[in-house]
Amino acid sequence: MTKSLLKHRLATRADLPALTALMDRAISELQKPFLTAEQIGSSRTIMGLDTQLIEDKTYFVIEQDGAIAGCGGWSRRATLYGGDRSPGRDAALLDPATDPARVRAMYTHPDFMRRGVGRLILTLCEERRAPKVSSAPNSWQPWQANRSIVPADTGRWSRSSIIGAESEFHCYG
């Protein structure tokens, strides 16, 4: 039986229970090859859902065949990582003239690993928040940290530009 394509939509508050369960399972299972049980427990302090992303309409739910396969999004806020209860939160808006947006809180359900969930989330972030480069005030250019790699003919960041500029692309949990 062939699986259907991945679908996406913006997350809503109604998704919170399902997203919390997905994140818990992803944290518990996908870190096992890399962390001890104690380290996984500690990581829960800095991982989780930041509901500000849902309120800002910058957080996506990825679905396949009616099941949530993953979630993630981007932020224009100063908070670098973590969920609602994580320490060091700062809801201040970043300056789009100088600060890149941040990819945040990406989680893949363990049953959907290696199926393109993470790639789709990154693509959505890029497409939704990579407008043409503009000098207009409040023109958000999330992947702008190093304009020297912005293709002159398009004025947009490409996925290869983002991947090729790891120090310029900010990805936070």
N, C-alpha and C. Protein backbone atom coordinates (compact mmCIF):
# COMPACT_ATOMS: atom_id res chain seq x y z
N MET A 1 0.84 -1.18 0.00
CA MET A 1 0.00 0.00 0.00
C MET A 1 0.89 1.25 0.00
N THR A 2 0.62 2.17 -0.89
CA THR A 2 1.40 3.39 -1.01
C THR A 2 0.90 4.43 -0.03
N LYS A 3 1.82 5.07 0.65
CA LYS A 3 1.47 6.16 1.58
C LYS A 3 1.16 7.41 0.78
N SER A 4 0.26 8.22 1.31
CA SER A 4 -0.05 9.49 0.66
C SER A 4 1.07 10.49 0.93
N LEU A 5 1.01 11.59 0.24
CA LEU A 5 2.00 12.65 0.40
C LEU A 5 1.84 13.32 1.76
N LEU A 6 2.92 13.94 2.19
CA LEU A 6 2.86 14.73 3.41
C LEU A 6 2.04 15.99 3.13
N LYS A 7 1.21 16.36 4.09
CA LYS A 7 0.42 17.59 4.00
C LYS A 7 0.81 18.48 5.16
N HIS A 8 0.56 19.77 5.00
CA HIS A 8 0.90 20.70 6.07
C HIS A 8 -0.22 21.70 6.30
N ARG A 9 -0.24 22.25 7.50
CA ARG A 9 -1.16 23.30 7.86
C ARG A 9 -0.57 24.04 9.05
N LEU A 10 -1.11 25.20 9.35
CA LEU A 10 -0.67 25.93 10.54
C LEU A 10 -1.23 25.24 11.78
N ALA A 11 -0.45 25.18 12.82
CA ALA A 11 -0.89 24.61 14.09
C ALA A 11 -1.87 25.56 14.77
N THR A 12 -2.77 24.99 15.56
CA THR A 12 -3.71 25.76 16.36
C THR A 12 -3.62 25.29 17.81
N ARG A 13 -4.22 26.04 18.69
CA ARG A 13 -4.24 25.63 20.11
C ARG A 13 -4.91 24.27 20.29
N ALA A 14 -5.84 23.94 19.42
CA ALA A 14 -6.51 22.64 19.51
C ALA A 14 -5.53 21.48 19.28
N ASP A 15 -4.40 21.76 18.63
CA ASP A 15 -3.38 20.74 18.37
C ASP A 15 -2.48 20.47 19.57
N LEU A 16 -2.53 21.31 20.59
CA LEU A 16 -1.56 21.21 21.70
C LEU A 16 -1.45 19.81 22.30
N PRO A 17 -2.54 19.13 22.66
CA PRO A 17 -2.37 17.79 23.24
C PRO A 17 -1.63 16.82 22.31
N ALA A 18 -1.99 16.82 21.03
CA ALA A 18 -1.34 15.91 20.08
C ALA A 18 0.12 16.29 19.86
N LEU A 19 0.41 17.59 19.78
CA LEU A 19 1.80 18.03 19.59
C LEU A 19 2.65 17.72 20.81
N THR A 20 2.09 17.91 21.98
CA THR A 20 2.82 17.59 23.21
C THR A 20 3.16 16.10 23.27
N ALA A 21 2.21 15.26 22.89
CA ALA A 21 2.46 13.81 22.88
C ALA A 21 3.52 13.45 21.84
N LEU A 22 3.45 14.05 20.66
CA LEU A 22 4.45 13.80 19.62
C LEU A 22 5.84 14.20 20.11
N MET A 23 5.95 15.39 20.69
CA MET A 23 7.24 15.87 21.18
C MET A 23 7.80 14.95 22.26
N ASP A 24 6.94 14.52 23.17
CA ASP A 24 7.38 13.63 24.23
C ASP A 24 7.94 12.33 23.65
N ARG A 25 7.23 11.78 22.68
CA ARG A 25 7.70 10.54 22.07
C ARG A 25 8.99 10.76 21.29
N ALA A 26 9.07 11.86 20.55
CA ALA A 26 10.29 12.15 19.79
C ALA A 26 11.48 12.33 20.73
N ILE A 27 11.29 13.09 21.80
CA ILE A 27 12.38 13.32 22.77
C ILE A 27 12.79 12.00 23.40
N SER A 28 11.82 11.19 23.81
CA SER A 28 12.11 9.93 24.50
C SER A 28 12.79 8.91 23.61
N GLU A 29 12.35 8.79 22.37
CA GLU A 29 12.84 7.72 21.50
C GLU A 29 14.00 8.11 20.59
N LEU A 30 13.94 9.29 20.02
CA LEU A 30 14.93 9.62 19.00
C LEU A 30 16.28 10.05 19.56
N GLN A 31 16.34 10.35 20.85
CA GLN A 31 17.62 10.72 21.45
C GLN A 31 18.35 9.54 22.08
N LYS A 32 17.68 8.40 22.20
CA LYS A 32 18.27 7.23 22.85
C LYS A 32 19.65 6.83 22.31
N PRO A 33 19.86 6.87 20.98
CA PRO A 33 21.18 6.48 20.48
C PRO A 33 22.30 7.46 20.85
N PHE A 34 21.93 8.65 21.33
CA PHE A 34 22.92 9.69 21.55
C PHE A 34 23.07 10.13 23.00
N LEU A 35 22.03 9.93 23.81
CA LEU A 35 22.03 10.43 25.18
C LEU A 35 21.66 9.34 26.17
N THR A 36 22.12 9.50 27.40
CA THR A 36 21.71 8.60 28.47
C THR A 36 20.29 8.96 28.89
N ALA A 37 19.66 8.07 29.66
CA ALA A 37 18.31 8.35 30.17
C ALA A 37 18.31 9.63 31.00
N GLU A 38 19.35 9.84 31.79
CA GLU A 38 19.44 11.05 32.60
C GLU A 38 19.55 12.30 31.72
N GLN A 39 20.35 12.23 30.67
CA GLN A 39 20.49 13.37 29.77
C GLN A 39 19.18 13.66 29.02
N ILE A 40 18.47 12.61 28.63
CA ILE A 40 17.18 12.81 27.98
C ILE A 40 16.22 13.50 28.94
N GLY A 41 16.21 13.08 30.18
CA GLY A 41 15.37 13.73 31.19
C GLY A 41 15.72 15.20 31.35
N SER A 42 17.00 15.49 31.37
CA SER A 42 17.45 16.88 31.50
C SER A 42 17.09 17.71 30.28
N SER A 43 17.11 17.08 29.11
CA SER A 43 16.82 17.83 27.89
C SER A 43 15.39 18.34 27.86
N ARG A 44 14.51 17.71 28.60
CA ARG A 44 13.11 18.16 28.62
C ARG A 44 12.97 19.58 29.18
N THR A 45 13.95 20.03 29.96
CA THR A 45 13.93 21.39 30.49
C THR A 45 14.06 22.42 29.38
N ILE A 46 14.81 22.08 28.34
CA ILE A 46 15.06 23.05 27.28
C ILE A 46 14.34 22.71 25.97
N MET A 47 13.54 21.66 25.98
CA MET A 47 12.82 21.27 24.76
C MET A 47 11.32 21.34 25.03
N GLY A 48 10.57 21.54 23.99
CA GLY A 48 9.12 21.56 24.11
C GLY A 48 8.51 22.62 23.21
N LEU A 49 7.20 22.76 23.33
CA LEU A 49 6.49 23.67 22.45
C LEU A 49 6.39 25.06 23.06
N ASP A 50 6.75 26.03 22.27
CA ASP A 50 6.59 27.44 22.61
C ASP A 50 5.28 27.87 21.94
N THR A 51 4.23 28.03 22.74
CA THR A 51 2.92 28.36 22.16
C THR A 51 2.91 29.73 21.49
N GLN A 52 3.92 30.55 21.74
CA GLN A 52 4.00 31.84 21.04
C GLN A 52 4.12 31.62 19.54
N LEU A 53 4.75 30.52 19.13
CA LEU A 53 4.89 30.20 17.71
C LEU A 53 3.52 29.95 17.08
N ILE A 54 2.64 29.29 17.83
CA ILE A 54 1.28 29.05 17.34
C ILE A 54 0.53 30.38 17.26
N GLU A 55 0.66 31.19 18.30
CA GLU A 55 -0.01 32.50 18.30
C GLU A 55 0.48 33.38 17.16
N ASP A 56 1.76 33.29 16.84
CA ASP A 56 2.34 34.08 15.76
C ASP A 56 2.04 33.51 14.37
N LYS A 57 1.39 32.33 14.35
CA LYS A 57 1.07 31.64 13.09
C LYS A 57 2.32 31.34 12.27
N THR A 58 3.33 30.85 12.98
CA THR A 58 4.59 30.48 12.33
C THR A 58 4.96 29.02 12.61
N TYR A 59 4.00 28.23 13.09
CA TYR A 59 4.26 26.84 13.48
C TYR A 59 3.39 25.91 12.66
N PHE A 60 4.02 24.91 12.08
CA PHE A 60 3.34 24.00 11.15
C PHE A 60 3.15 22.62 11.74
N VAL A 61 2.06 21.99 11.33
CA VAL A 61 1.79 20.58 11.61
C VAL A 61 1.94 19.85 10.28
N ILE A 62 2.68 18.76 10.29
CA ILE A 62 2.87 17.94 9.11
C ILE A 62 2.07 16.65 9.33
N GLU A 63 1.26 16.30 8.35
CA GLU A 63 0.40 15.12 8.48
C GLU A 63 0.57 14.19 7.29
N GLN A 64 0.33 12.91 7.56
CA GLN A 64 0.30 11.92 6.49
C GLN A 64 -0.79 10.91 6.84
N ASP A 65 -1.69 10.71 5.92
CA ASP A 65 -2.79 9.77 6.13
C ASP A 65 -3.54 10.04 7.43
N GLY A 66 -3.73 11.30 7.76
CA GLY A 66 -4.49 11.68 8.94
C GLY A 66 -3.73 11.65 10.25
N ALA A 67 -2.48 11.22 10.23
CA ALA A 67 -1.67 11.17 11.45
C ALA A 67 -0.67 12.31 11.45
N ILE A 68 -0.38 12.86 12.63
CA ILE A 68 0.63 13.91 12.73
C ILE A 68 2.01 13.27 12.64
N ALA A 69 2.74 13.66 11.60
CA ALA A 69 4.07 13.10 11.35
C ALA A 69 5.18 13.96 11.94
N GLY A 70 4.89 15.23 12.17
CA GLY A 70 5.90 16.11 12.72
C GLY A 70 5.36 17.52 12.87
N CYS A 71 6.23 18.38 13.39
CA CYS A 71 5.85 19.77 13.59
C CYS A 71 7.12 20.61 13.68
N GLY A 72 6.97 21.88 13.45
CA GLY A 72 8.10 22.80 13.54
C GLY A 72 7.74 24.11 12.89
N GLY A 73 8.58 25.10 13.10
CA GLY A 73 8.30 26.40 12.51
C GLY A 73 9.46 27.35 12.69
N TRP A 74 9.14 28.62 12.60
CA TRP A 74 10.16 29.66 12.68
C TRP A 74 9.67 30.74 13.64
N SER A 75 10.61 31.55 14.10
CA SER A 75 10.26 32.59 15.04
C SER A 75 10.96 33.89 14.71
N ARG A 76 10.25 34.98 14.97
CA ARG A 76 10.84 36.32 14.85
C ARG A 76 11.04 36.91 16.24
N ARG A 77 11.07 36.04 17.25
CA ARG A 77 11.22 36.44 18.65
C ARG A 77 12.64 36.19 19.13
N ALA A 78 13.00 36.83 20.22
CA ALA A 78 14.36 36.71 20.75
C ALA A 78 14.62 35.38 21.44
N THR A 79 13.58 34.68 21.88
CA THR A 79 13.76 33.37 22.52
C THR A 79 14.50 32.45 21.55
N LEU A 80 15.57 31.83 22.03
CA LEU A 80 16.37 30.97 21.16
C LEU A 80 15.85 29.55 21.06
N TYR A 81 15.32 29.02 22.13
CA TYR A 81 14.93 27.61 22.16
C TYR A 81 13.97 27.38 23.32
N GLY A 82 13.40 26.21 23.33
CA GLY A 82 12.63 25.77 24.48
C GLY A 82 11.14 25.99 24.38
N GLY A 83 10.46 25.43 25.37
CA GLY A 83 9.02 25.51 25.44
C GLY A 83 8.57 26.60 26.40
N ASP A 84 7.28 26.59 26.67
CA ASP A 84 6.69 27.62 27.51
C ASP A 84 7.29 27.69 28.90
N ARG A 85 7.78 26.58 29.41
CA ARG A 85 8.33 26.55 30.77
C ARG A 85 9.85 26.63 30.83
N SER A 86 10.48 26.78 29.68
CA SER A 86 11.95 26.83 29.64
C SER A 86 12.45 28.16 30.21
N PRO A 87 13.59 28.13 30.89
CA PRO A 87 14.16 29.39 31.41
C PRO A 87 14.72 30.26 30.28
N GLY A 88 14.81 31.55 30.54
CA GLY A 88 15.47 32.46 29.61
C GLY A 88 14.63 32.90 28.43
N ARG A 89 13.33 32.82 28.55
CA ARG A 89 12.45 33.20 27.44
C ARG A 89 12.41 34.72 27.28
N ASP A 90 12.33 35.16 26.03
CA ASP A 90 12.26 36.60 25.73
C ASP A 90 11.37 36.78 24.51
N ALA A 91 10.17 37.29 24.71
CA ALA A 91 9.20 37.45 23.62
C ALA A 91 9.44 38.70 22.78
N ALA A 92 10.51 39.43 23.05
CA ALA A 92 10.79 40.64 22.26
C ALA A 92 10.96 40.27 20.78
N LEU A 93 10.45 41.14 19.92
CA LEU A 93 10.59 40.92 18.49
C LEU A 93 12.01 41.24 18.06
N LEU A 94 12.53 40.42 17.16
CA LEU A 94 13.85 40.67 16.59
C LEU A 94 13.74 41.81 15.59
N ASP A 95 14.86 42.41 15.27
CA ASP A 95 14.91 43.47 14.27
C ASP A 95 15.14 42.83 12.90
N PRO A 96 14.15 42.88 12.01
CA PRO A 96 14.31 42.21 10.72
C PRO A 96 15.42 42.80 9.85
N ALA A 97 15.88 43.99 10.18
CA ALA A 97 16.97 44.59 9.41
C ALA A 97 18.32 43.97 9.77
N THR A 98 18.42 43.38 10.97
CA THR A 98 19.72 42.88 11.41
C THR A 98 19.69 41.45 11.94
N ASP A 99 18.53 40.94 12.33
CA ASP A 99 18.45 39.62 12.97
C ASP A 99 17.75 38.60 12.07
N PRO A 100 18.37 37.44 11.85
CA PRO A 100 17.68 36.41 11.08
C PRO A 100 16.58 35.76 11.93
N ALA A 101 15.56 35.29 11.26
CA ALA A 101 14.54 34.50 11.95
C ALA A 101 15.18 33.19 12.39
N ARG A 102 14.48 32.46 13.24
CA ARG A 102 15.05 31.23 13.80
C ARG A 102 14.11 30.06 13.57
N VAL A 103 14.65 28.99 13.03
CA VAL A 103 13.88 27.76 12.92
C VAL A 103 13.81 27.17 14.32
N ARG A 104 12.60 26.80 14.75
CA ARG A 104 12.40 26.41 16.13
C ARG A 104 11.54 25.15 16.24
N ALA A 105 11.78 24.43 17.30
CA ALA A 105 10.91 23.35 17.78
C ALA A 105 10.50 22.37 16.69
N MET A 106 11.48 21.81 16.01
CA MET A 106 11.21 20.80 14.99
C MET A 106 11.22 19.42 15.64
N TYR A 107 10.15 18.68 15.42
CA TYR A 107 10.04 17.32 15.96
C TYR A 107 9.44 16.42 14.89
N THR A 108 9.97 15.22 14.77
CA THR A 108 9.43 14.21 13.87
C THR A 108 8.97 13.04 14.72
N HIS A 109 7.76 12.57 14.45
CA HIS A 109 7.26 11.38 15.13
C HIS A 109 8.17 10.22 14.74
N PRO A 110 8.56 9.37 15.70
CA PRO A 110 9.47 8.27 15.38
C PRO A 110 8.98 7.35 14.26
N ASP A 111 7.68 7.20 14.09
CA ASP A 111 7.14 6.35 13.02
C ASP A 111 7.28 6.99 11.64
N PHE A 112 7.70 8.25 11.58
CA PHE A 112 7.79 8.95 10.30
C PHE A 112 9.21 9.43 9.99
N MET A 113 10.19 8.87 10.66
CA MET A 113 11.59 9.24 10.41
C MET A 113 11.97 8.92 8.96
N ARG A 114 12.86 9.75 8.42
CA ARG A 114 13.45 9.55 7.09
C ARG A 114 12.41 9.56 5.98
N ARG A 115 11.37 10.37 6.14
CA ARG A 115 10.34 10.49 5.11
C ARG A 115 10.19 11.92 4.60
N GLY A 116 11.11 12.81 4.99
CA GLY A 116 11.08 14.17 4.49
C GLY A 116 10.34 15.17 5.35
N VAL A 117 9.98 14.79 6.57
CA VAL A 117 9.24 15.69 7.46
C VAL A 117 10.08 16.94 7.77
N GLY A 118 11.30 16.75 8.21
CA GLY A 118 12.17 17.88 8.54
C GLY A 118 12.45 18.76 7.34
N ARG A 119 12.70 18.15 6.20
CA ARG A 119 12.96 18.91 4.97
C ARG A 119 11.73 19.75 4.61
N LEU A 120 10.54 19.18 4.76
CA LEU A 120 9.32 19.94 4.45
C LEU A 120 9.18 21.13 5.39
N ILE A 121 9.46 20.94 6.67
CA ILE A 121 9.37 22.05 7.62
C ILE A 121 10.34 23.16 7.24
N LEU A 122 11.57 22.81 6.93
CA LEU A 122 12.54 23.83 6.52
C LEU A 122 12.09 24.55 5.25
N THR A 123 11.55 23.80 4.31
CA THR A 123 11.06 24.40 3.07
C THR A 123 9.91 25.37 3.36
N LEU A 124 8.99 24.96 4.22
CA LEU A 124 7.87 25.84 4.58
C LEU A 124 8.37 27.12 5.23
N CYS A 125 9.32 26.98 6.13
CA CYS A 125 9.88 28.18 6.78
C CYS A 125 10.51 29.09 5.75
N GLU A 126 11.25 28.52 4.84
CA GLU A 126 11.91 29.30 3.81
C GLU A 126 10.89 29.98 2.90
N GLU A 127 9.90 29.24 2.44
CA GLU A 127 8.91 29.79 1.51
C GLU A 127 8.03 30.84 2.16
N ARG A 128 7.63 30.61 3.39
CA ARG A 128 6.70 31.52 4.04
C ARG A 128 7.37 32.80 4.52
N ARG A 129 8.63 32.71 4.85
CA ARG A 129 9.28 33.86 5.46
C ARG A 129 10.54 34.29 4.74
N ALA A 130 10.64 34.07 3.46
CA ALA A 130 11.78 34.54 2.69
C ALA A 130 11.30 35.43 1.55
N PRO A 131 10.75 36.60 1.88
CA PRO A 131 10.28 37.50 0.82
C PRO A 131 11.45 38.05 0.02
N LYS A 132 11.14 38.66 -1.10
CA LYS A 132 12.19 39.30 -1.89
C LYS A 132 12.96 40.28 -1.01
N VAL A 133 14.25 40.33 -1.20
CA VAL A 133 15.06 41.25 -0.43
C VAL A 133 14.60 42.66 -0.74
N SER A 134 14.37 43.42 0.30
CA SER A 134 13.84 44.76 0.14
C SER A 134 14.47 45.67 1.18
N SER A 135 14.59 46.92 0.85
CA SER A 135 15.11 47.87 1.83
C SER A 135 13.97 48.52 2.61
N ALA A 136 12.73 48.09 2.33
CA ALA A 136 11.57 48.67 3.02
C ALA A 136 11.62 48.32 4.50
N PRO A 137 11.22 49.26 5.37
CA PRO A 137 11.19 48.96 6.79
C PRO A 137 10.25 47.80 7.07
N ASN A 138 10.57 47.02 8.07
CA ASN A 138 9.76 45.87 8.49
C ASN A 138 9.64 44.79 7.44
N SER A 139 10.53 44.75 6.49
CA SER A 139 10.55 43.69 5.49
C SER A 139 11.35 42.54 6.08
N TRP A 140 10.67 41.52 6.57
CA TRP A 140 11.34 40.43 7.27
C TRP A 140 12.12 39.57 6.29
N GLN A 141 13.39 39.41 6.57
CA GLN A 141 14.27 38.61 5.73
C GLN A 141 14.99 37.62 6.64
N PRO A 142 14.33 36.53 7.00
CA PRO A 142 14.86 35.67 8.03
C PRO A 142 16.20 35.04 7.74
N TRP A 143 16.52 34.77 6.52
CA TRP A 143 17.79 34.11 6.24
C TRP A 143 18.81 35.11 5.71
N GLN A 144 18.80 36.32 6.22
CA GLN A 144 19.57 37.39 5.62
C GLN A 144 20.94 37.63 6.24
N ALA A 145 21.36 36.87 7.19
CA ALA A 145 22.55 37.24 7.96
C ALA A 145 23.75 37.57 7.09
N ASN A 146 23.89 36.90 5.97
CA ASN A 146 25.02 37.18 5.09
C ASN A 146 24.48 37.38 3.68
N ARG A 147 24.17 38.61 3.32
CA ARG A 147 23.56 38.88 2.03
C ARG A 147 24.47 38.56 0.86
N SER A 148 25.73 38.34 1.11
CA SER A 148 26.63 38.05 0.00
C SER A 148 26.29 36.73 -0.68
N ILE A 149 25.53 35.86 0.00
CA ILE A 149 25.18 34.60 -0.66
C ILE A 149 23.75 34.61 -1.20
N VAL A 150 23.07 35.75 -1.13
CA VAL A 150 21.73 35.84 -1.72
C VAL A 150 21.89 35.94 -3.22
N PRO A 151 21.25 35.04 -3.97
CA PRO A 151 21.37 35.12 -5.44
C PRO A 151 20.87 36.46 -5.96
N ALA A 152 21.68 37.14 -6.73
CA ALA A 152 21.35 38.48 -7.21
C ALA A 152 20.14 38.47 -8.13
N ASP A 153 19.96 37.38 -8.88
CA ASP A 153 18.86 37.37 -9.84
C ASP A 153 17.49 37.15 -9.19
N THR A 154 17.44 36.55 -8.00
CA THR A 154 16.15 36.27 -7.38
C THR A 154 15.90 37.10 -6.13
N GLY A 155 16.95 37.51 -5.46
CA GLY A 155 16.78 38.23 -4.21
C GLY A 155 16.19 37.37 -3.12
N ARG A 156 16.33 36.06 -3.24
CA ARG A 156 15.78 35.13 -2.24
C ARG A 156 16.87 34.15 -1.83
N TRP A 157 16.70 33.59 -0.65
CA TRP A 157 17.60 32.54 -0.22
C TRP A 157 17.12 31.24 -0.82
N SER A 158 18.03 30.40 -1.20
CA SER A 158 17.66 29.07 -1.65
C SER A 158 18.01 28.08 -0.56
N ARG A 159 17.43 26.90 -0.64
CA ARG A 159 17.72 25.88 0.37
C ARG A 159 19.23 25.60 0.37
N SER A 160 19.85 25.54 -0.80
CA SER A 160 21.29 25.27 -0.84
C SER A 160 22.08 26.39 -0.20
N SER A 161 21.60 27.64 -0.32
CA SER A 161 22.29 28.74 0.33
C SER A 161 22.22 28.60 1.83
N ILE A 162 21.06 28.20 2.33
CA ILE A 162 20.90 28.04 3.78
C ILE A 162 21.80 26.92 4.28
N ILE A 163 21.75 25.77 3.62
CA ILE A 163 22.56 24.64 4.06
C ILE A 163 24.04 24.96 3.91
N GLY A 164 24.41 25.69 2.87
CA GLY A 164 25.81 26.02 2.64
C GLY A 164 26.33 27.12 3.54
N ALA A 165 25.48 27.71 4.35
CA ALA A 165 25.90 28.81 5.22
C ALA A 165 25.54 28.50 6.66
N GLU A 166 26.02 27.37 7.14
CA GLU A 166 25.61 26.90 8.46
C GLU A 166 25.81 27.95 9.55
N SER A 167 26.88 28.72 9.48
CA SER A 167 27.11 29.71 10.53
C SER A 167 26.12 30.86 10.43
N GLU A 168 25.46 31.01 9.28
CA GLU A 168 24.53 32.11 9.09
C GLU A 168 23.08 31.69 9.31
N PHE A 169 22.80 30.39 9.31
CA PHE A 169 21.45 29.88 9.45
C PHE A 169 21.27 29.44 10.89
N HIS A 170 20.33 30.05 11.57
CA HIS A 170 20.15 29.78 12.98
C HIS A 170 19.02 28.80 13.20
N CYS A 171 19.32 27.64 13.73
CA CYS A 171 18.32 26.62 13.98
C CYS A 171 18.33 26.30 15.47
N TYR A 172 17.25 26.59 16.13
CA TYR A 172 17.15 26.40 17.57
C TYR A 172 15.97 25.52 17.89
N GLY A 173 16.07 24.78 18.99
CA GLY A 173 14.99 23.88 19.40
C GLY A 173 13.88 24.55 20.10
